[in-house]
Each structure stands twice: as structure tokens, then as C-alpha cells.
N, C-alpha and C. Protein backbone atom coordinates (compact mmCIF):
# COMPACT_ATOMS: atom_id res chain seq x y z
N UNK A 1 -125.21 77.40 -14.11
CA UNK A 1 -124.28 76.33 -14.42
C UNK A 1 -124.62 75.09 -13.62
N UNK A 2 -124.32 73.92 -14.20
CA UNK A 2 -124.64 72.66 -13.56
C UNK A 2 -123.49 72.04 -12.80
N UNK A 3 -122.28 72.50 -13.02
CA UNK A 3 -121.12 71.84 -12.43
C UNK A 3 -121.07 72.05 -10.91
N UNK A 4 -120.32 71.18 -10.25
CA UNK A 4 -120.17 71.25 -8.80
C UNK A 4 -119.35 72.45 -8.38
N UNK A 5 -118.40 72.85 -9.19
CA UNK A 5 -117.52 73.97 -8.87
C UNK A 5 -117.81 75.12 -9.82
N UNK A 6 -118.51 76.13 -9.34
CA UNK A 6 -118.86 77.28 -10.17
C UNK A 6 -117.71 78.28 -10.12
N UNK A 7 -116.85 78.26 -11.16
CA UNK A 7 -115.69 79.14 -11.20
C UNK A 7 -115.99 80.45 -11.93
N UNK A 8 -117.13 80.54 -12.58
CA UNK A 8 -117.47 81.76 -13.28
C UNK A 8 -116.71 81.96 -14.58
N UNK A 9 -116.17 80.88 -15.17
CA UNK A 9 -115.43 81.01 -16.42
C UNK A 9 -116.36 81.10 -17.63
N UNK A 10 -117.63 80.83 -17.43
CA UNK A 10 -118.57 80.84 -18.54
C UNK A 10 -118.67 79.50 -19.24
N UNK A 11 -117.92 78.51 -18.79
CA UNK A 11 -117.97 77.17 -19.35
C UNK A 11 -118.38 76.20 -18.25
N UNK A 12 -119.02 75.13 -18.67
CA UNK A 12 -119.47 74.12 -17.72
C UNK A 12 -119.29 72.76 -18.38
N UNK A 13 -118.25 72.04 -17.99
CA UNK A 13 -117.91 70.77 -18.62
C UNK A 13 -119.00 69.72 -18.45
N UNK A 14 -119.90 69.93 -17.51
CA UNK A 14 -121.00 68.98 -17.32
C UNK A 14 -122.12 69.16 -18.36
N UNK A 15 -122.07 70.24 -19.09
CA UNK A 15 -123.08 70.47 -20.15
C UNK A 15 -122.62 69.80 -21.43
N UNK A 16 -123.52 69.14 -22.08
CA UNK A 16 -123.21 68.35 -23.28
C UNK A 16 -122.56 69.16 -24.40
N UNK A 17 -122.95 70.39 -24.55
CA UNK A 17 -122.45 71.20 -25.67
C UNK A 17 -121.30 72.13 -25.30
N UNK A 18 -120.74 71.97 -24.12
CA UNK A 18 -119.69 72.89 -23.67
C UNK A 18 -118.41 72.68 -24.48
N UNK A 19 -117.81 73.76 -24.97
CA UNK A 19 -116.56 73.66 -25.73
C UNK A 19 -115.39 73.10 -24.92
N UNK A 20 -115.49 73.13 -23.61
CA UNK A 20 -114.39 72.60 -22.80
C UNK A 20 -114.24 71.09 -22.97
N UNK A 21 -115.23 70.43 -23.54
CA UNK A 21 -115.12 68.99 -23.80
C UNK A 21 -113.93 68.67 -24.71
N UNK A 22 -113.66 69.52 -25.67
CA UNK A 22 -112.54 69.25 -26.58
C UNK A 22 -111.21 69.33 -25.83
N UNK A 23 -111.13 70.22 -24.84
CA UNK A 23 -109.92 70.32 -24.03
C UNK A 23 -109.77 69.05 -23.18
N UNK A 24 -110.86 68.62 -22.57
CA UNK A 24 -110.82 67.40 -21.76
C UNK A 24 -110.44 66.18 -22.59
N UNK A 25 -110.96 66.11 -23.81
CA UNK A 25 -110.61 64.99 -24.69
C UNK A 25 -109.12 64.99 -25.00
N UNK A 26 -108.56 66.17 -25.26
CA UNK A 26 -107.13 66.26 -25.54
C UNK A 26 -106.32 65.84 -24.32
N UNK A 27 -106.73 66.28 -23.15
CA UNK A 27 -106.00 65.97 -21.92
C UNK A 27 -106.11 64.49 -21.53
N UNK A 28 -107.12 63.80 -22.04
CA UNK A 28 -107.33 62.39 -21.69
C UNK A 28 -106.32 61.47 -22.38
N UNK A 29 -105.57 61.97 -23.32
CA UNK A 29 -104.57 61.16 -24.02
C UNK A 29 -103.36 60.92 -23.12
N UNK A 30 -102.99 59.66 -22.94
CA UNK A 30 -101.81 59.37 -22.12
C UNK A 30 -100.56 59.96 -22.76
N UNK A 31 -100.52 60.05 -24.09
CA UNK A 31 -99.33 60.58 -24.73
C UNK A 31 -99.21 62.08 -24.52
N UNK A 32 -100.33 62.79 -24.55
CA UNK A 32 -100.31 64.23 -24.24
C UNK A 32 -99.75 64.40 -22.84
N UNK A 33 -100.26 63.64 -21.92
CA UNK A 33 -99.82 63.71 -20.53
C UNK A 33 -98.31 63.47 -20.42
N UNK A 34 -97.83 62.40 -21.03
CA UNK A 34 -96.42 62.03 -20.88
C UNK A 34 -95.49 63.00 -21.60
N UNK A 35 -95.88 63.51 -22.75
CA UNK A 35 -95.05 64.47 -23.47
C UNK A 35 -94.96 65.79 -22.70
N UNK A 36 -96.09 66.26 -22.19
CA UNK A 36 -96.07 67.50 -21.41
C UNK A 36 -95.16 67.34 -20.19
N UNK A 37 -95.29 66.23 -19.50
CA UNK A 37 -94.43 65.99 -18.32
C UNK A 37 -92.96 65.91 -18.71
N UNK A 38 -92.66 65.31 -19.85
CA UNK A 38 -91.26 65.20 -20.29
C UNK A 38 -90.67 66.57 -20.61
N UNK A 39 -91.49 67.47 -21.12
CA UNK A 39 -91.00 68.80 -21.50
C UNK A 39 -90.97 69.78 -20.33
N UNK A 40 -91.43 69.36 -19.18
CA UNK A 40 -91.51 70.27 -18.04
C UNK A 40 -90.14 70.83 -17.64
N UNK A 41 -89.11 70.03 -17.78
CA UNK A 41 -87.77 70.47 -17.34
C UNK A 41 -87.00 71.23 -18.41
N UNK A 42 -87.57 71.38 -19.60
CA UNK A 42 -86.89 72.17 -20.62
C UNK A 42 -87.03 71.61 -22.02
N UNK A 43 -86.34 72.26 -22.93
CA UNK A 43 -86.41 71.92 -24.36
C UNK A 43 -85.88 70.53 -24.63
N UNK A 44 -86.53 69.88 -25.59
CA UNK A 44 -86.06 68.57 -26.04
C UNK A 44 -86.25 68.45 -27.54
N UNK A 45 -85.38 67.68 -28.15
CA UNK A 45 -85.53 67.34 -29.55
C UNK A 45 -86.46 66.14 -29.68
N UNK A 46 -86.95 65.90 -30.88
CA UNK A 46 -87.87 64.81 -31.14
C UNK A 46 -87.31 63.48 -30.67
N UNK A 47 -86.07 63.20 -31.01
CA UNK A 47 -85.44 61.93 -30.63
C UNK A 47 -85.32 61.77 -29.12
N UNK A 48 -85.03 62.87 -28.43
CA UNK A 48 -84.94 62.82 -26.96
C UNK A 48 -86.30 62.52 -26.35
N UNK A 49 -87.34 63.12 -26.91
CA UNK A 49 -88.69 62.83 -26.44
C UNK A 49 -89.05 61.36 -26.67
N UNK A 50 -88.69 60.85 -27.84
CA UNK A 50 -88.99 59.45 -28.16
C UNK A 50 -88.29 58.51 -27.19
N UNK A 51 -87.07 58.81 -26.83
CA UNK A 51 -86.34 57.95 -25.88
C UNK A 51 -86.92 58.02 -24.47
N UNK A 52 -87.43 59.18 -24.09
CA UNK A 52 -88.02 59.34 -22.75
C UNK A 52 -89.38 58.67 -22.65
N UNK A 53 -90.09 58.53 -23.75
CA UNK A 53 -91.45 57.98 -23.75
C UNK A 53 -91.44 56.60 -24.36
N UNK A 54 -91.14 55.61 -23.58
CA UNK A 54 -91.11 54.23 -24.08
C UNK A 54 -92.48 53.85 -24.65
N UNK A 55 -92.47 53.24 -25.80
CA UNK A 55 -93.70 52.72 -26.39
C UNK A 55 -94.40 53.63 -27.37
N UNK A 56 -94.02 54.90 -27.43
CA UNK A 56 -94.68 55.80 -28.38
C UNK A 56 -94.07 55.62 -29.76
N UNK A 57 -94.92 55.50 -30.75
CA UNK A 57 -94.43 55.37 -32.12
C UNK A 57 -94.05 56.76 -32.64
N UNK A 58 -93.17 56.82 -33.63
CA UNK A 58 -92.83 58.13 -34.20
C UNK A 58 -94.06 58.88 -34.71
N UNK A 59 -94.99 58.16 -35.31
CA UNK A 59 -96.21 58.79 -35.83
C UNK A 59 -97.04 59.38 -34.68
N UNK A 60 -97.20 58.64 -33.59
CA UNK A 60 -98.00 59.14 -32.47
C UNK A 60 -97.31 60.31 -31.79
N UNK A 61 -95.99 60.28 -31.70
CA UNK A 61 -95.26 61.41 -31.11
C UNK A 61 -95.46 62.66 -31.96
N UNK A 62 -95.36 62.52 -33.26
CA UNK A 62 -95.57 63.66 -34.16
C UNK A 62 -96.98 64.20 -34.02
N UNK A 63 -97.97 63.31 -34.02
CA UNK A 63 -99.37 63.75 -33.88
C UNK A 63 -99.60 64.46 -32.54
N UNK A 64 -99.02 63.91 -31.49
CA UNK A 64 -99.19 64.51 -30.16
C UNK A 64 -98.55 65.89 -30.10
N UNK A 65 -97.34 66.03 -30.63
CA UNK A 65 -96.68 67.33 -30.64
C UNK A 65 -97.45 68.34 -31.47
N UNK A 66 -98.03 67.92 -32.57
CA UNK A 66 -98.84 68.83 -33.40
C UNK A 66 -100.07 69.32 -32.65
N UNK A 67 -100.73 68.41 -31.92
CA UNK A 67 -101.91 68.79 -31.13
C UNK A 67 -101.50 69.78 -30.04
N UNK A 68 -100.41 69.50 -29.36
CA UNK A 68 -99.96 70.39 -28.28
C UNK A 68 -99.54 71.75 -28.82
N UNK A 69 -98.92 71.77 -29.99
CA UNK A 69 -98.54 73.05 -30.60
C UNK A 69 -99.79 73.81 -31.04
N UNK A 70 -100.72 73.12 -31.66
CA UNK A 70 -101.98 73.74 -32.11
C UNK A 70 -102.72 74.37 -30.95
N UNK A 71 -102.71 73.70 -29.79
CA UNK A 71 -103.47 74.16 -28.64
C UNK A 71 -102.70 75.15 -27.77
N UNK A 72 -101.50 75.55 -28.22
CA UNK A 72 -100.76 76.58 -27.52
C UNK A 72 -100.02 76.11 -26.28
N UNK A 73 -99.82 74.80 -26.16
CA UNK A 73 -99.12 74.25 -25.00
C UNK A 73 -97.64 74.02 -25.25
N UNK A 74 -97.28 73.85 -26.52
CA UNK A 74 -95.90 73.57 -26.91
C UNK A 74 -95.48 74.54 -28.02
N UNK A 75 -94.23 74.97 -27.94
CA UNK A 75 -93.64 75.81 -28.98
C UNK A 75 -92.57 74.99 -29.68
N UNK A 76 -92.58 75.04 -31.01
CA UNK A 76 -91.59 74.32 -31.83
C UNK A 76 -90.65 75.34 -32.44
N UNK A 77 -89.37 75.04 -32.36
CA UNK A 77 -88.38 75.91 -32.99
C UNK A 77 -87.55 75.08 -33.96
N UNK A 78 -87.49 75.57 -35.20
CA UNK A 78 -86.73 74.90 -36.25
C UNK A 78 -85.44 75.69 -36.47
N UNK A 79 -84.31 74.99 -36.41
CA UNK A 79 -83.02 75.62 -36.62
C UNK A 79 -82.57 75.36 -38.05
N UNK A 80 -82.15 76.40 -38.79
CA UNK A 80 -81.78 76.26 -40.19
C UNK A 80 -80.37 75.67 -40.36
N UNK A 81 -80.25 74.40 -40.04
CA UNK A 81 -78.98 73.70 -40.20
C UNK A 81 -79.23 72.42 -40.98
N UNK A 82 -78.16 71.81 -41.43
CA UNK A 82 -78.26 70.55 -42.16
C UNK A 82 -77.61 69.48 -41.29
N UNK A 83 -78.30 68.42 -40.93
CA UNK A 83 -79.73 68.19 -41.10
C UNK A 83 -80.54 69.12 -40.20
N UNK A 84 -81.80 69.37 -40.57
CA UNK A 84 -82.62 70.28 -39.77
C UNK A 84 -82.74 69.81 -38.32
N UNK A 85 -82.70 70.76 -37.42
CA UNK A 85 -82.85 70.45 -35.99
C UNK A 85 -84.12 71.13 -35.50
N UNK A 86 -84.96 70.38 -34.81
CA UNK A 86 -86.22 70.89 -34.27
C UNK A 86 -86.23 70.63 -32.78
N UNK A 87 -86.57 71.65 -32.01
CA UNK A 87 -86.69 71.50 -30.57
C UNK A 87 -88.07 71.94 -30.12
N UNK A 88 -88.53 71.31 -29.05
CA UNK A 88 -89.85 71.59 -28.50
C UNK A 88 -89.70 72.03 -27.05
N UNK A 89 -90.55 72.98 -26.66
CA UNK A 89 -90.58 73.42 -25.27
C UNK A 89 -92.01 73.82 -24.92
N UNK A 90 -92.31 73.79 -23.63
CA UNK A 90 -93.64 74.19 -23.18
C UNK A 90 -93.77 75.71 -23.20
N UNK A 91 -94.94 76.17 -23.55
CA UNK A 91 -95.27 77.58 -23.41
C UNK A 91 -95.63 77.83 -21.93
N UNK A 92 -95.94 79.04 -21.59
CA UNK A 92 -96.37 79.33 -20.21
C UNK A 92 -97.63 78.53 -19.88
N UNK A 93 -98.55 78.45 -20.84
CA UNK A 93 -99.77 77.67 -20.64
C UNK A 93 -99.43 76.20 -20.42
N UNK A 94 -98.49 75.68 -21.19
CA UNK A 94 -98.05 74.30 -21.05
C UNK A 94 -97.38 74.05 -19.70
N UNK A 95 -96.59 75.00 -19.24
CA UNK A 95 -95.95 74.87 -17.92
C UNK A 95 -97.00 74.84 -16.82
N UNK A 96 -98.03 75.64 -16.96
CA UNK A 96 -99.11 75.66 -15.99
C UNK A 96 -99.79 74.29 -15.93
N UNK A 97 -100.07 73.72 -17.08
CA UNK A 97 -100.67 72.40 -17.16
C UNK A 97 -99.73 71.34 -16.60
N UNK A 98 -98.44 71.45 -16.87
CA UNK A 98 -97.47 70.46 -16.42
C UNK A 98 -97.46 70.34 -14.90
N UNK A 99 -97.65 71.45 -14.22
CA UNK A 99 -97.71 71.41 -12.76
C UNK A 99 -98.84 70.54 -12.26
N UNK A 100 -100.00 70.67 -12.89
CA UNK A 100 -101.16 69.85 -12.52
C UNK A 100 -100.92 68.38 -12.84
N UNK A 101 -100.36 68.13 -14.02
CA UNK A 101 -100.13 66.75 -14.43
C UNK A 101 -99.09 66.06 -13.57
N UNK A 102 -98.12 66.81 -13.08
CA UNK A 102 -97.11 66.24 -12.20
C UNK A 102 -97.75 65.78 -10.90
N UNK A 103 -98.70 66.54 -10.40
CA UNK A 103 -99.42 66.14 -9.19
C UNK A 103 -100.20 64.85 -9.43
N UNK A 104 -100.83 64.74 -10.59
CA UNK A 104 -101.58 63.52 -10.93
C UNK A 104 -100.63 62.34 -11.04
N UNK A 105 -99.48 62.55 -11.68
CA UNK A 105 -98.50 61.47 -11.80
C UNK A 105 -98.03 61.00 -10.42
N UNK A 106 -97.75 61.93 -9.55
CA UNK A 106 -97.31 61.58 -8.19
C UNK A 106 -98.39 60.77 -7.47
N UNK A 107 -99.63 61.19 -7.61
CA UNK A 107 -100.74 60.46 -6.99
C UNK A 107 -100.82 59.05 -7.56
N UNK A 108 -100.72 58.93 -8.87
CA UNK A 108 -100.80 57.61 -9.53
C UNK A 108 -99.67 56.70 -9.07
N UNK A 109 -98.46 57.23 -8.97
CA UNK A 109 -97.33 56.42 -8.53
C UNK A 109 -97.48 56.00 -7.07
N UNK A 110 -97.98 56.91 -6.25
CA UNK A 110 -98.16 56.61 -4.83
C UNK A 110 -99.25 55.57 -4.61
N UNK A 111 -100.32 55.65 -5.38
CA UNK A 111 -101.48 54.79 -5.14
C UNK A 111 -101.60 53.61 -6.09
N UNK A 112 -100.62 53.42 -6.96
CA UNK A 112 -100.66 52.27 -7.88
C UNK A 112 -100.79 50.95 -7.14
N UNK A 113 -100.06 50.72 -6.03
CA UNK A 113 -100.23 49.45 -5.32
C UNK A 113 -101.66 49.26 -4.77
N UNK A 114 -102.26 50.35 -4.28
CA UNK A 114 -103.63 50.26 -3.76
C UNK A 114 -104.61 49.87 -4.86
N UNK A 115 -104.45 50.48 -6.01
CA UNK A 115 -105.35 50.20 -7.13
C UNK A 115 -105.11 48.80 -7.67
N UNK A 116 -103.84 48.41 -7.73
CA UNK A 116 -103.51 47.05 -8.16
C UNK A 116 -104.16 46.02 -7.24
N UNK A 117 -104.09 46.25 -5.93
CA UNK A 117 -104.72 45.33 -4.96
C UNK A 117 -106.24 45.31 -5.13
N UNK A 118 -106.84 46.48 -5.30
CA UNK A 118 -108.29 46.55 -5.48
C UNK A 118 -108.72 45.81 -6.74
N UNK A 119 -107.95 45.94 -7.81
CA UNK A 119 -108.26 45.21 -9.05
C UNK A 119 -108.17 43.71 -8.84
N UNK A 120 -107.13 43.27 -8.13
CA UNK A 120 -106.96 41.84 -7.87
C UNK A 120 -108.13 41.30 -7.05
N UNK A 121 -108.57 42.07 -6.05
CA UNK A 121 -109.72 41.65 -5.23
C UNK A 121 -110.99 41.60 -6.07
N UNK A 122 -111.16 42.56 -6.95
CA UNK A 122 -112.36 42.58 -7.81
C UNK A 122 -112.37 41.38 -8.74
N UNK A 123 -111.21 41.05 -9.29
CA UNK A 123 -111.12 39.90 -10.18
C UNK A 123 -111.40 38.62 -9.41
N UNK A 124 -110.81 38.50 -8.22
CA UNK A 124 -111.03 37.30 -7.39
C UNK A 124 -112.51 37.19 -7.02
N UNK A 125 -113.14 38.32 -6.69
CA UNK A 125 -114.55 38.30 -6.34
C UNK A 125 -115.44 37.96 -7.51
N UNK A 126 -115.08 38.40 -8.69
CA UNK A 126 -115.92 38.13 -9.87
C UNK A 126 -115.76 36.70 -10.35
N UNK A 127 -114.64 36.05 -10.03
CA UNK A 127 -114.47 34.65 -10.41
C UNK A 127 -115.48 33.77 -9.69
N UNK A 128 -115.81 34.13 -8.44
CA UNK A 128 -116.82 33.39 -7.71
C UNK A 128 -118.19 33.56 -8.35
N UNK A 129 -118.43 34.72 -8.96
CA UNK A 129 -119.71 34.96 -9.64
C UNK A 129 -119.87 34.02 -10.83
N UNK A 130 -118.80 33.70 -11.51
CA UNK A 130 -118.86 32.82 -12.69
C UNK A 130 -119.22 31.40 -12.29
N UNK A 131 -118.76 30.98 -11.12
CA UNK A 131 -119.00 29.61 -10.68
C UNK A 131 -120.43 29.40 -10.24
N UNK A 132 -121.12 30.44 -9.84
CA UNK A 132 -122.50 30.31 -9.32
C UNK A 132 -123.51 30.00 -10.38
């Protein structure tokens, strides 16, 4: 294996043809990240998820939930009532992922000012390059 961390899973994300690339691509979606984190505390209906995730369109929320359900991270339950009620919750696999994503969110919130400052310095430094 070529990766830095040899876990013995039989996959190596550093290899071009590794199937784990599809998992990494799915995880790279900010909406996947935010929906998984929203569901960490329990079941939610579609409308509740939409209210918790500012900026997500209904179409993108539906697509994201379908991807998460397909990949075994979210379970959908349809209740036979009028109007139909649908609730979503994380599976055990989804809960496992949510723990990791919560750590990333905490890191991002803690270090956002540092990154914001670094970006401002980079922009200020590159403006001098334009003048030369």
C-alpha cells in the first residue's frame, strides 16, 4: 500500500483506482456533512432539516438524503398518514461518521479566525505582487 497510514483494510485512498474514492467524494459535500451533523441528535422530518440547514434548496436536501440513505448512513421511515410523514435518522454507521464530523466542525469553528487572518494576509501580500 502507498498510503501513510497502513490500516490493513485492503483499500488505499492514495491509489488512483481505489474504490474508497467514491466515499471520499461523497464526504466532501458540505451538505452531506451538515445533514449528518443535524441528524446526530435524533430523528428529524424533511422540513425540520431544511430549517436547520440554511441555504439548502429542497432539491439539494432531497438529493443529499437519497445519497445518505443509499450509502447506509441514513434510515428513512414513512408513516402511513395523510399527509404522508417521513422521518430521517442516522444508522449506526451514520452515527459513527457523525462523531468524526463533529470533531471537524469543532476544529473549523475554533480555527476560523486563524484561517480568516491567514487569507487576509495572503490577499494583502498578493496585492503587492500585482503592483510590481
